[in-house]
C-alpha atoms as a PDB file:
ATOM      1  CA  MET A   1     -39.187  -2.454  -1.847  1.00  0.00           C
ATOM      2  CA  ALA A   2     -38.157  -5.270   0.453  1.00  0.00           C
ATOM      3  CA  SER A   3     -36.818  -7.242  -2.539  1.00  0.00           C
ATOM      4  CA  ASP A   4     -34.223  -4.542  -3.250  1.00  0.00           C
ATOM      5  CA  PRO A   5     -31.606  -4.074  -0.483  1.00  0.00           C
ATOM      6  CA  PHE A   6     -30.494  -0.685  -1.810  1.00  0.00           C
ATOM      7  CA  MET A   7     -32.593   2.452  -2.018  1.00  0.00           C
ATOM      8  CA  TYR A   8     -30.424   4.996  -3.827  1.00  0.00           C
ATOM      9  CA  SER A   9     -33.112   6.954  -5.705  1.00  0.00           C
ATOM     10  CA  ASN A  10     -36.255   7.441  -3.598  1.00  0.00           C
ATOM     11  CA  PRO A  11     -35.910   6.538   0.116  1.00  0.00           C
ATOM     12  CA  LEU A  12     -32.345   7.781   0.809  1.00  0.00           C
ATOM     13  CA  PRO A  13     -32.949  11.494   0.087  1.00  0.00           C
ATOM     14  CA  ALA A  14     -35.683  11.491   2.769  1.00  0.00           C
ATOM     15  CA  LEU A  15     -33.477   9.746   5.314  1.00  0.00           C
ATOM     16  CA  PRO A  16     -31.401  11.706   7.883  1.00  0.00           C
ATOM     17  CA  TYR A  17     -27.961  10.631   6.620  1.00  0.00           C
ATOM     18  CA  PRO A  18     -25.556  13.376   5.461  1.00  0.00           C
ATOM     19  CA  TYR A  19     -24.776  13.193   1.772  1.00  0.00           C
ATOM     20  CA  PRO A  20     -21.037  12.317   2.146  1.00  0.00           C
ATOM     21  CA  ASN A  21     -21.963   9.280   4.289  1.00  0.00           C
ATOM     22  CA  ARG A  22     -24.457   7.836   1.802  1.00  0.00           C
ATOM     23  CA  HIS A  23     -21.742   6.514  -0.484  1.00  0.00           C
ATOM     24  CA  ILE A  24     -20.194   4.591   2.432  1.00  0.00           C
ATOM     25  CA  ILE A  25     -23.625   3.293   3.482  1.00  0.00           C
ATOM     26  CA  GLY A  26     -24.286   2.116  -0.071  1.00  0.00           C
ATOM     27  CA  ASN A  27     -20.967   0.269  -0.203  1.00  0.00           C
ATOM     28  CA  HIS A  28     -21.628  -1.391   3.158  1.00  0.00           C
ATOM     29  CA  LEU A  29     -25.089  -2.518   2.026  1.00  0.00           C
ATOM     30  CA  LEU A  30     -23.685  -3.871  -1.230  1.00  0.00           C
ATOM     31  CA  SER A  31     -20.962  -5.820   0.597  1.00  0.00           C
ATOM     32  CA  LEU A  32     -23.546  -7.215   3.038  1.00  0.00           C
ATOM     33  CA  SER A  33     -25.837  -8.300   0.195  1.00  0.00           C
ATOM     34  CA  ASN A  34     -22.959 -10.065  -1.577  1.00  0.00           C
ATOM     35  CA  SER A  35     -21.962 -11.958   1.573  1.00  0.00           C
ATOM     36  CA  PHE A  36     -25.485 -12.573   2.910  1.00  0.00           C
ATOM     37  CA  PRO A  37     -28.090 -12.432   0.089  1.00  0.00           C
ATOM     38  CA  SER A  38     -30.994 -13.070   2.496  1.00  0.00           C
ATOM     39  CA  PHE A  39     -30.546  -9.680   4.204  1.00  0.00           C
ATOM     40  CA  ARG A  40     -32.843  -6.870   3.035  1.00  0.00           C
ATOM     41  CA  ALA A  41     -32.738  -3.146   3.840  1.00  0.00           C
ATOM     42  CA  PHE A  42     -35.679  -0.731   3.862  1.00  0.00           C
ATOM     43  CA  PRO A  43     -36.727   2.576   5.544  1.00  0.00           C
ATOM     44  CA  TYR A  44     -38.635   2.136   8.779  1.00  0.00           C
ATOM     45  CA  PRO A  45     -39.661   4.353  11.740  1.00  0.00           C
ATOM     46  CA  PHE A  46     -37.316   4.210  14.735  1.00  0.00           C
ATOM     47  CA  VAL A  47     -38.119   5.602  18.201  1.00  0.00           C
ATOM     48  CA  HIS A  48     -35.195   6.860  20.307  1.00  0.00           C
ATOM     49  CA  ASN A  49     -35.095   6.558  24.092  1.00  0.00           C
ATOM     50  CA  ASP A  50     -36.091  10.219  24.405  1.00  0.00           C
ATOM     51  CA  GLY A  51     -39.266   9.633  22.379  1.00  0.00           C
ATOM     52  CA  ARG A  52     -38.037  11.118  19.086  1.00  0.00           C
ATOM     53  CA  SER A  53     -39.238   9.257  16.022  1.00  0.00           C
ATOM     54  CA  VAL A  54     -37.175   9.180  12.839  1.00  0.00           C
ATOM     55  CA  THR A  55     -37.118   7.084   9.683  1.00  0.00           C
ATOM     56  CA  LEU A  56     -33.915   5.055   9.452  1.00  0.00           C
ATOM     57  CA  ILE A  57     -32.551   2.182   7.393  1.00  0.00           C
ATOM     58  CA  ARG A  58     -33.532  -1.139   8.906  1.00  0.00           C
ATOM     59  CA  ILE A  59     -31.889  -4.371   7.799  1.00  0.00           C
ATOM     60  CA  GLU A  60     -33.596  -7.706   8.344  1.00  0.00           C
ATOM     61  CA  GLY A  61     -32.053 -11.136   7.881  1.00  0.00           C
ATOM     62  CA  SER A  62     -31.132 -14.381   9.561  1.00  0.00           C
ATOM     63  CA  ILE A  63     -28.107 -16.568  10.128  1.00  0.00           C
ATOM     64  CA  LEU A  64     -28.045 -20.339  10.591  1.00  0.00           C
ATOM     65  CA  ILE A  65     -26.199 -21.466  13.727  1.00  0.00           C
ATOM     66  CA  ASN A  66     -26.076 -25.181  14.578  1.00  0.00           C
ATOM     67  CA  ASN A  67     -29.281 -25.886  12.606  1.00  0.00           C
ATOM     68  CA  CYS A  68     -30.963 -23.002  14.429  1.00  0.00           C
ATOM     69  CA  THR A  69     -32.128 -19.903  12.538  1.00  0.00           C
ATOM     70  CA  LEU A  70     -31.414 -16.645  14.366  1.00  0.00           C
ATOM     71  CA  ALA A  71     -33.327 -13.580  13.183  1.00  0.00           C
ATOM     72  CA  LEU A  72     -31.391 -10.284  13.225  1.00  0.00           C
ATOM     73  CA  SER A  73     -32.602  -6.712  12.991  1.00  0.00           C
ATOM     74  CA  ILE A  74     -29.934  -4.056  12.291  1.00  0.00           C
ATOM     75  CA  TRP A  75     -30.609  -0.309  12.508  1.00  0.00           C
ATOM     76  CA  LEU A  76     -28.331   2.324  10.987  1.00  0.00           C
ATOM     77  CA  LEU A  77     -28.500   5.395  13.224  1.00  0.00           C
ATOM     78  CA  GLU A  78     -28.188   8.974  11.945  1.00  0.00           C
ATOM     79  CA  THR A  79     -24.444   9.042  12.731  1.00  0.00           C
ATOM     80  CA  TYR A  80     -23.643   5.798  10.885  1.00  0.00           C
ATOM     81  CA  PRO A  81     -20.939   4.818   9.850  1.00  0.00           C
ATOM     82  CA  TYR A  82     -19.159   6.886  12.519  1.00  0.00           C
ATOM     83  CA  ALA A  83     -21.285   5.203  15.178  1.00  0.00           C
ATOM     84  CA  ALA A  84     -21.955   1.478  15.412  1.00  0.00           C
ATOM     85  CA  PRO A  85     -25.349   0.164  14.266  1.00  0.00           C
ATOM     86  CA  VAL A  86     -27.933  -1.076  16.758  1.00  0.00           C
ATOM     87  CA  VAL A  87     -28.547  -4.831  16.512  1.00  0.00           C
ATOM     88  CA  TYR A  88     -31.424  -6.864  17.948  1.00  0.00           C
ATOM     89  CA  LEU A  89     -31.635 -10.645  18.133  1.00  0.00           C
ATOM     90  CA  SER A  90     -34.980 -12.466  18.245  1.00  0.00           C
ATOM     91  CA  PRO A  91     -35.226 -15.877  19.998  1.00  0.00           C
ATOM     92  CA  PRO A  92     -36.272 -18.854  17.880  1.00  0.00           C
ATOM     93  CA  LYS A  93     -39.520 -20.642  18.637  1.00  0.00           C
ATOM     94  CA  ASP A  94     -39.511 -22.758  21.835  1.00  0.00           C
ATOM     95  CA  MET A  95     -36.096 -21.414  22.882  1.00  0.00           C
ATOM     96  CA  VAL A  96     -34.983 -18.958  25.549  1.00  0.00           C
ATOM     97  CA  LEU A  97     -31.899 -16.840  26.056  1.00  0.00           C
ATOM     98  CA  VAL A  98     -29.108 -18.550  27.959  1.00  0.00           C
ATOM     99  CA  PRO A  99     -29.151 -17.204  31.548  1.00  0.00           C
ATOM    100  CA  GLU A 100     -26.701 -14.319  32.074  1.00  0.00           C
ATOM    101  CA  TYR A 101     -25.702 -14.355  28.414  1.00  0.00           C
ATOM    102  CA  GLU A 102     -23.339 -11.385  28.302  1.00  0.00           C
ATOM    103  CA  TYR A 103     -23.631 -10.498  24.629  1.00  0.00           C
ATOM    104  CA  VAL A 104     -27.427 -10.113  24.404  1.00  0.00           C
ATOM    105  CA  ASN A 105     -29.665  -8.030  26.673  1.00  0.00           C
ATOM    106  CA  SER A 106     -32.267 -10.366  28.161  1.00  0.00           C
ATOM    107  CA  SER A 107     -34.932  -7.630  28.252  1.00  0.00           C
ATOM    108  CA  THR A 108     -34.549  -5.939  24.862  1.00  0.00           C
ATOM    109  CA  GLY A 109     -32.630  -8.499  22.820  1.00  0.00           C
ATOM    110  CA  MET A 110     -29.988  -5.857  21.958  1.00  0.00           C
ATOM    111  CA  VAL A 111     -26.659  -7.350  20.905  1.00  0.00           C
ATOM    112  CA  SER A 112     -23.418  -5.995  22.405  1.00  0.00           C
ATOM    113  CA  ILE A 113     -20.542  -8.062  21.067  1.00  0.00           C
ATOM    114  CA  PRO A 114     -16.927  -6.757  21.146  1.00  0.00           C
ATOM    115  CA  TYR A 115     -17.050  -5.922  17.418  1.00  0.00           C
ATOM    116  CA  LEU A 116     -19.764  -3.325  18.102  1.00  0.00           C
ATOM    117  CA  THR A 117     -17.968  -1.995  21.156  1.00  0.00           C
ATOM    118  CA  ASN A 118     -14.756  -1.536  19.138  1.00  0.00           C
ATOM    119  CA  TRP A 119     -16.494  -0.214  16.039  1.00  0.00           C
ATOM    120  CA  GLY A 120     -14.199   1.828  13.785  1.00  0.00           C
ATOM    121  CA  THR A 121     -15.261   3.905  10.805  1.00  0.00           C
ATOM    122  CA  SER A 122     -12.642   2.665   8.334  1.00  0.00           C
ATOM    123  CA  ALA A 123     -12.086  -0.856   9.681  1.00  0.00           C
ATOM    124  CA  SER A 124     -15.689  -1.955  10.356  1.00  0.00           C
ATOM    125  CA  SER A 125     -18.559  -2.929   8.078  1.00  0.00           C
ATOM    126  CA  LEU A 126     -21.977  -4.588   8.165  1.00  0.00           C
ATOM    127  CA  ALA A 127     -20.742  -7.742   6.422  1.00  0.00           C
ATOM    128  CA  ASP A 128     -17.909  -8.195   8.934  1.00  0.00           C
ATOM    129  CA  LEU A 129     -20.354  -7.530  11.777  1.00  0.00           C
ATOM    130  CA  VAL A 130     -22.625 -10.387  10.683  1.00  0.00           C
ATOM    131  CA  LYS A 131     -19.612 -12.672  10.164  1.00  0.00           C
ATOM    132  CA  GLU A 132     -18.428 -11.838  13.674  1.00  0.00           C
ATOM    133  CA  MET A 133     -21.848 -12.701  15.132  1.00  0.00           C
ATOM    134  CA  GLU A 134     -21.813 -15.978  13.213  1.00  0.00           C
ATOM    135  CA  MET A 135     -18.448 -16.883  14.701  1.00  0.00           C
ATOM    136  CA  LEU A 136     -19.361 -15.878  18.252  1.00  0.00           C
ATOM    137  CA  PHE A 137     -22.808 -17.478  18.322  1.00  0.00           C
ATOM    138  CA  SER A 138     -21.458 -20.712  16.811  1.00  0.00           C
ATOM    139  CA  VAL A 139     -19.023 -21.202  19.715  1.00  0.00           C
ATOM    140  CA  TYR A 140     -21.252 -19.620  22.364  1.00  0.00           C
ATOM    141  CA  HIS A 141     -24.882 -20.122  21.376  1.00  0.00           C
ATOM    142  CA  PRO A 142     -27.205 -17.468  22.853  1.00  0.00           C
ATOM    143  CA  PHE A 143     -30.306 -19.660  23.092  1.00  0.00           C
ATOM    144  CA  CYS A 144     -31.241 -22.959  24.634  1.00  0.00           C
ATOM    145  CA  SER A 145     -34.361 -25.033  25.227  1.00  0.00           C
ATOM    146  CA  GLU A 146     -36.591 -24.332  28.251  1.00  0.00           C
ATOM    147  CA  TYR A 147     -34.353 -23.494  31.161  1.00  0.00           C
ATOM    148  CA  ASP A 148     -33.707 -26.183  33.775  1.00  0.00           C
ATOM    149  CA  PRO A 149     -31.773 -25.087  36.914  1.00  0.00           C
ATOM    150  CA  ARG A 150     -30.038 -28.461  36.910  1.00  0.00           C
ATOM    151  CA  ASP A 151     -28.263 -27.435  33.729  1.00  0.00           C
ATOM    152  CA  ASP A 152     -26.459 -24.530  35.398  1.00  0.00           C
ATOM    153  CA  LEU A 153     -23.161 -26.398  35.725  1.00  0.00           C
ATOM    154  CA  ILE A 154     -23.241 -27.550  32.117  1.00  0.00           C
ATOM    155  CA  LEU A 155     -24.054 -24.014  30.968  1.00  0.00           C
ATOM    156  CA  GLU A 156     -21.199 -22.574  33.010  1.00  0.00           C
ATOM    157  CA  ILE A 157     -18.741 -25.077  31.540  1.00  0.00           C
ATOM    158  CA  ALA A 158     -20.020 -24.417  28.005  1.00  0.00           C
ATOM    159  CA  LYS A 159     -19.822 -20.680  28.607  1.00  0.00           C
ATOM    160  CA  ALA A 160     -16.217 -20.876  29.818  1.00  0.00           C
ATOM    161  CA  ILE A 161     -15.145 -23.088  26.906  1.00  0.00           C
ATOM    162  CA  SER A 162     -16.928 -20.887  24.381  1.00  0.00           C
ATOM    163  CA  LYS A 163     -15.355 -17.718  25.760  1.00  0.00           C
ATOM    164  CA  ASP A 164     -11.910 -19.306  25.547  1.00  0.00           C
ATOM    165  CA  ILE A 165     -12.482 -20.358  21.945  1.00  0.00           C
ATOM    166  CA  TYR A 166     -13.824 -16.953  20.994  1.00  0.00           C
ATOM    167  CA  GLY A 167     -10.988 -15.206  22.800  1.00  0.00           C
ATOM    168  CA  ASN A 168      -8.425 -17.342  20.992  1.00  0.00           C
ATOM    169  CA  GLU A 169     -10.050 -16.636  17.639  1.00  0.00           C
ATOM    170  CA  MET A 170     -10.104 -12.904  18.360  1.00  0.00           C
ATOM    171  CA  GLU A 171      -6.423 -13.010  19.351  1.00  0.00           C
ATOM    172  CA  LEU A 172      -5.591 -14.967  16.200  1.00  0.00           C
ATOM    173  CA  LYS A 173      -7.447 -12.400  14.123  1.00  0.00           C
ATOM    174  CA  ARG A 174      -5.558  -9.570  15.842  1.00  0.00           C
ATOM    175  CA  LEU A 175      -2.212 -11.310  15.256  1.00  0.00           C
ATOM    176  CA  MET A 176      -3.055 -11.816  11.586  1.00  0.00           C
ATOM    177  CA  GLN A 177      -3.800  -8.103  11.276  1.00  0.00           C
ATOM    178  CA  VAL A 178      -0.478  -7.298  12.956  1.00  0.00           C
ATOM    179  CA  GLN A 179       1.264  -9.719  10.583  1.00  0.00           C
ATOM    180  CA  SER A 180      -0.331  -8.000   7.596  1.00  0.00           C
ATOM    181  CA  VAL A 181       0.880  -4.588   8.804  1.00  0.00           C
ATOM    182  CA  LEU A 182       4.389  -5.933   9.425  1.00  0.00           C
ATOM    183  CA  GLU A 183       4.501  -7.505   5.944  1.00  0.00           C
ATOM    184  CA  GLU A 184       3.539  -4.175   4.376  1.00  0.00           C
ATOM    185  CA  LYS A 185       6.258  -2.391   6.331  1.00  0.00           C
ATOM    186  CA  ASN A 186       8.774  -5.099   5.390  1.00  0.00           C
ATOM    187  CA  ASN A 187       7.918  -4.710   1.697  1.00  0.00           C
ATOM    188  CA  ALA A 188       8.376  -0.937   1.977  1.00  0.00           C
ATOM    189  CA  LEU A 189      11.739  -1.403   3.717  1.00  0.00           C
ATOM    190  CA  MET A 190      12.914  -3.915   1.113  1.00  0.00           C
ATOM    191  CA  LEU A 191      11.972  -1.496  -1.669  1.00  0.00           C
ATOM    192  CA  HIS A 192      13.882   1.316   0.041  1.00  0.00           C
ATOM    193  CA  LEU A 193      16.831  -1.006   0.635  1.00  0.00           C
ATOM    194  CA  GLY A 194      16.891  -1.864  -3.072  1.00  0.00           C
ATOM    195  CA  GLU A 195      16.983   1.825  -3.950  1.00  0.00           C
ATOM    196  CA  LEU A 196      19.842   2.406  -1.497  1.00  0.00           C
ATOM    197  CA  GLU A 197      21.793  -0.532  -2.949  1.00  0.00           C
ATOM    198  CA  MET A 198      21.376   0.864  -6.456  1.00  0.00           C
ATOM    199  CA  GLU A 199      22.593   4.255  -5.269  1.00  0.00           C
ATOM    200  CA  ARG A 200      25.542   2.607  -3.516  1.00  0.00           C
ATOM    201  CA  ASP A 201      26.493   0.749  -6.721  1.00  0.00           C
ATOM    202  CA  THR A 202      26.313   4.007  -8.659  1.00  0.00           C
ATOM    203  CA  LEU A 203      28.541   5.780  -6.143  1.00  0.00           C
ATOM    204  CA  GLU A 204      31.019   2.892  -6.129  1.00  0.00           C
ATOM    205  CA  GLU A 205      31.195   2.983  -9.905  1.00  0.00           C
ATOM    206  CA  GLN A 206      31.750   6.730  -9.849  1.00  0.00           C
ATOM    207  CA  SER A 207      34.427   6.316  -7.174  1.00  0.00           C
ATOM    208  CA  GLU A 208      36.214   3.664  -9.238  1.00  0.00           C
ATOM    209  CA  MET A 209      36.119   5.920 -12.293  1.00  0.00           C
ATOM    210  CA  GLU A 210      37.510   8.829 -10.306  1.00  0.00           C
ATOM    211  CA  MET A 211      40.291   6.662  -8.882  1.00  0.00           C
ATOM    212  CA  MET A 212      41.145   5.462 -12.390  1.00  0.00           C
ATOM    213  CA  ASN A 213      41.306   9.059 -13.610  1.00  0.00           C
ATOM    214  CA  ILE A 214      43.487  10.049 -10.658  1.00  0.00           C
ATOM    215  CA  ASN A 215      45.838   7.133 -11.328  1.00  0.00           C
ATOM    216  CA  LEU A 216      46.070   8.043 -15.018  1.00  0.00           C
ATOM    217  CA  MET A 217      46.757  11.675 -14.197  1.00  0.00           C
ATOM    218  CA  THR A 218      49.370  10.741 -11.588  1.00  0.00           C
ATOM    219  CA  SER A 219      51.085   8.388 -14.023  1.00  0.00           C
ATOM    220  CA  TRP A 220      51.066  11.032 -16.758  1.00  0.00           C
ATOM    221  CA  LEU A 221      52.523  13.662 -14.409  1.00  0.00           C
ATOM    222  CA  CYS A 222      55.283  11.309 -13.328  1.00  0.00           C
ATOM    223  CA  GLU A 223      56.192  10.496 -16.921  1.00  0.00           C
ATOM    224  CA  ASN A 224      56.109  14.114 -18.091  1.00  0.00           C
ATOM    225  CA  GLU A 225      57.451  15.904 -15.026  1.00  0.00           C
ATOM    226  CA  ARG A 226      60.699  17.038 -16.676  1.00  0.00           C
ATOM    227  CA  ARG A 227      59.026  18.097 -19.903  1.00  0.00           C
ATOM    228  CA  LEU A 228      56.327  19.931 -17.945  1.00  0.00           C
ATOM    229  CA  LYS A 229      58.977  21.942 -16.044  1.00  0.00           C
ATOM    230  CA  ALA A 230      60.780  22.702 -19.282  1.00  0.00           C
ATOM    231  CA  VAL A 231      57.614  23.996 -20.962  1.00  0.00           C
ATOM    232  CA  TRP A 232      56.672  26.239 -18.077  1.00  0.00           C
ATOM    233  CA  THR A 233      60.188  27.767 -17.887  1.00  0.00           C
ATOM    234  CA  LYS A 234      60.023  28.889 -21.540  1.00  0.00           C
ATOM    235  CA  ASP A 235      58.696  32.352 -22.207  1.00  0.00           C
ATOM    236  CA  ASP A 236      56.748  31.199 -25.244  1.00  0.00           C
ATOM    237  CA  GLY A 237      56.103  27.687 -24.020  1.00  0.00           C
ATOM    238  CA  GLU A 238      52.850  25.985 -24.857  1.00  0.00           C
ATOM    239  CA  ILE A 239      51.338  23.139 -22.848  1.00  0.00           C
ATOM    240  CA  GLU A 240      50.322  21.534 -26.169  1.00  0.00           C
ATOM    241  CA  GLU A 241      53.984  20.663 -26.673  1.00  0.00           C
ATOM    242  CA  LEU A 242      53.492  17.860 -24.199  1.00  0.00           C
ATOM    243  CA  PHE A 243      50.965  16.176 -26.477  1.00  0.00           C
ATOM    244  CA  GLN A 244      52.374  14.612 -29.602  1.00  0.00           C
ATOM    245  CA  ILE A 245      50.204  13.310 -32.398  1.00  0.00           C
ATOM    246  CA  SER A 246      51.948  10.515 -34.238  1.00  0.00           C
ATOM    247  CA  ASP A 247      50.036  10.776 -37.505  1.00  0.00           C
ATOM    248  CA  GLU A 248      46.842  12.003 -39.107  1.00  0.00           C
ATOM    249  CA  LYS A 249      45.088   8.699 -38.380  1.00  0.00           C
ATOM    250  CA  GLY A 250      44.666   9.819 -34.776  1.00  0.00           C
ATOM    251  CA  VAL A 251      42.717  12.870 -35.956  1.00  0.00           C
ATOM    252  CA  PHE A 252      40.188  10.795 -37.841  1.00  0.00           C
ATOM    253  CA  ASP A 253      39.933   8.240 -35.026  1.00  0.00           C
ATOM    254  CA  ASN A 254      38.971  10.935 -32.530  1.00  0.00           C
ATOM    255  CA  VAL A 255      36.409  12.526 -34.876  1.00  0.00           C
ATOM    256  CA  ILE A 256      34.836   9.137 -35.612  1.00  0.00           C
ATOM    257  CA  ALA A 257      34.731   8.275 -31.904  1.00  0.00           C
ATOM    258  CA  ASP A 258      33.111  11.654 -31.120  1.00  0.00           C
ATOM    259  CA  ARG A 259      30.393  11.159 -33.755  1.00  0.00           C
ATOM    260  CA  ALA A 260      29.789   7.578 -32.593  1.00  0.00           C
ATOM    261  CA  ILE A 261      29.253   8.784 -29.029  1.00  0.00           C
ATOM    262  CA  ASP A 262      26.739  11.374 -30.300  1.00  0.00           C
ATOM    263  CA  ASP A 263      24.796   8.620 -32.046  1.00  0.00           C
ATOM    264  CA  THR A 264      24.905   6.408 -28.961  1.00  0.00           C
ATOM    265  CA  ILE A 265      23.620   9.201 -26.696  1.00  0.00           C
ATOM    266  CA  TYR A 266      20.768   9.889 -29.129  1.00  0.00           C
ATOM    267  CA  ALA A 267      19.846   6.186 -29.177  1.00  0.00           C
ATOM    268  CA  LEU A 268      19.890   6.078 -25.351  1.00  0.00           C
ATOM    269  CA  ASP A 269      17.599   9.127 -25.192  1.00  0.00           C
ATOM    270  CA  LYS A 270      15.076   7.416 -27.463  1.00  0.00           C
ATOM    271  CA  ALA A 271      15.331   4.135 -25.553  1.00  0.00           C
ATOM    272  CA  VAL A 272      14.685   5.695 -22.149  1.00  0.00           C
ATOM    273  CA  GLN A 273      11.728   7.676 -23.543  1.00  0.00           C
ATOM    274  CA  GLU A 274      10.193   4.427 -24.822  1.00  0.00           C
ATOM    275  CA  GLY A 275      10.858   2.623 -21.529  1.00  0.00           C
ATOM    276  CA  CYS A 276      13.312   0.144 -23.051  1.00  0.00           C
ATOM    277  CA  VAL A 277      16.173   1.152 -20.744  1.00  0.00           C
ATOM    278  CA  PRO A 278      15.930   1.672 -16.950  1.00  0.00           C
ATOM    279  CA  PHE A 279      16.564   5.252 -15.907  1.00  0.00           C
ATOM    280  CA  ASP A 280      19.478   4.369 -13.611  1.00  0.00           C
ATOM    281  CA  ALA A 281      21.196   2.462 -16.420  1.00  0.00           C
ATOM    282  CA  TYR A 282      20.573   5.424 -18.719  1.00  0.00           C
ATOM    283  CA  LEU A 283      22.278   7.807 -16.280  1.00  0.00           C
ATOM    284  CA  LYS A 284      25.268   5.523 -15.893  1.00  0.00           C
ATOM    285  CA  GLY A 285      25.651   5.245 -19.669  1.00  0.00           C
ATOM    286  CA  ILE A 286      25.320   8.998 -20.232  1.00  0.00           C
ATOM    287  CA  ARG A 287      27.911   9.808 -17.569  1.00  0.00           C
ATOM    288  CA  SER A 288      30.400   7.321 -19.016  1.00  0.00           C
ATOM    289  CA  LEU A 289      29.868   8.455 -22.621  1.00  0.00           C
ATOM    290  CA  SER A 290      30.046  12.150 -21.725  1.00  0.00           C
ATOM    291  CA  ARG A 291      33.341  11.632 -19.942  1.00  0.00           C
ATOM    292  CA  GLU A 292      34.788   9.721 -22.901  1.00  0.00           C
ATOM    293  CA  GLN A 293      33.523  12.336 -25.380  1.00  0.00           C
ATOM    294  CA  PHE A 294      35.116  15.119 -23.344  1.00  0.00           C
ATOM    295  CA  PHE A 295      38.543  13.530 -23.690  1.00  0.00           C
ATOM    296  CA  HIS A 296      38.078  12.913 -27.445  1.00  0.00           C
ATOM    297  CA  ARG A 297      37.135  16.535 -28.031  1.00  0.00           C
ATOM    298  CA  ALA A 298      40.005  17.778 -25.879  1.00  0.00           C
ATOM    299  CA  VAL A 299      42.405  15.754 -28.021  1.00  0.00           C
ATOM    300  CA  GLN A 300      40.765  17.140 -31.181  1.00  0.00           C
ATOM    301  CA  ARG A 301      41.392  20.685 -29.995  1.00  0.00           C
ATOM    302  CA  LYS A 302      45.022  19.902 -29.289  1.00  0.00           C
ATOM    303  CA  GLN A 303      45.355  18.267 -32.698  1.00  0.00           C
ATOM    304  CA  SER A 304      43.869  21.323 -34.395  1.00  0.00           C
ATOM    305  CA  ARG A 305      46.268  23.645 -32.604  1.00  0.00           C
ATOM    306  CA  GLY A 306      49.179  21.408 -33.480  1.00  0.00           C
ATOM    307  CA  ARG A 307      48.267  21.426 -37.192  1.00  0.00           C
ATOM    308  CA  ALA A 308      47.850  25.219 -37.119  1.00  0.00           C
ATOM    309  CA  ARG A 309      51.311  25.706 -35.632  1.00  0.00           C
ATOM    310  CA  ARG A 310      52.901  23.388 -38.210  1.00  0.00           C
ATOM    311  CA  SER A 311      51.250  25.238 -41.094  1.00  0.00           C
ATOM    312  CA  PRO A 312      53.517  27.761 -42.878  1.00  0.00           C
END
């Protein structure tokens, strides 16, 4: 059993972990095994401070720090991963814990590094925990040879330097996390800005088209003001009198243009369905074609009425 770090079939159902948490536990064990293949997990009895005994997952492994092998024992409590694991550190042979070492209890060997204190369900994992201990213990080694009181000053200096290094690395890590969050927000803002710019271009194009239509209408009204008044003062006046068709060629031109626009709209529909044309470009094209087709058909109606009135 010790050769397999994951016990999905037999041991886990007998362990006190709620079913929804077992998937997270399995992922954490898998990540730990990939990063640190020497670590092995197995069920083992655990005695709480109140005397209760329960079978929990125990993880055993070691890390190499400055040519010194440090043995670790990690326990996953019943509330894991919502509560931090319990970690114990065993001293190597012929070495003792550094006096007043703040990250390891001198009596029990229990580890209490900042990563455990700040444990978070979604942001923390077993693999990152071991990596954090590797980093901390490499700059602030927990063990030394037999203690000599004359080494107190050296130990104090080493402790201060190590804490500064570790603090700087923790701050750098925090700043990198902040940078990652800011980059994600920047990407989201840039995407939204792009969408707003596309919408602005669409509105500007629509505004230009409307201004062009207004200018055309204003010009037409100015040119036909007298004729328009004359038509409206007649009892049997028709507004179609303002529109003169020079010859039959104009009739065929408008019909051909109308049919061509139908074909173009159909081709655009197929293209956007197949993903060949961006949707915003499709909308722009449809709006422009529909407007042009409206005018062609309006002229066709006027032409038809004109021919009907000329017929005997």
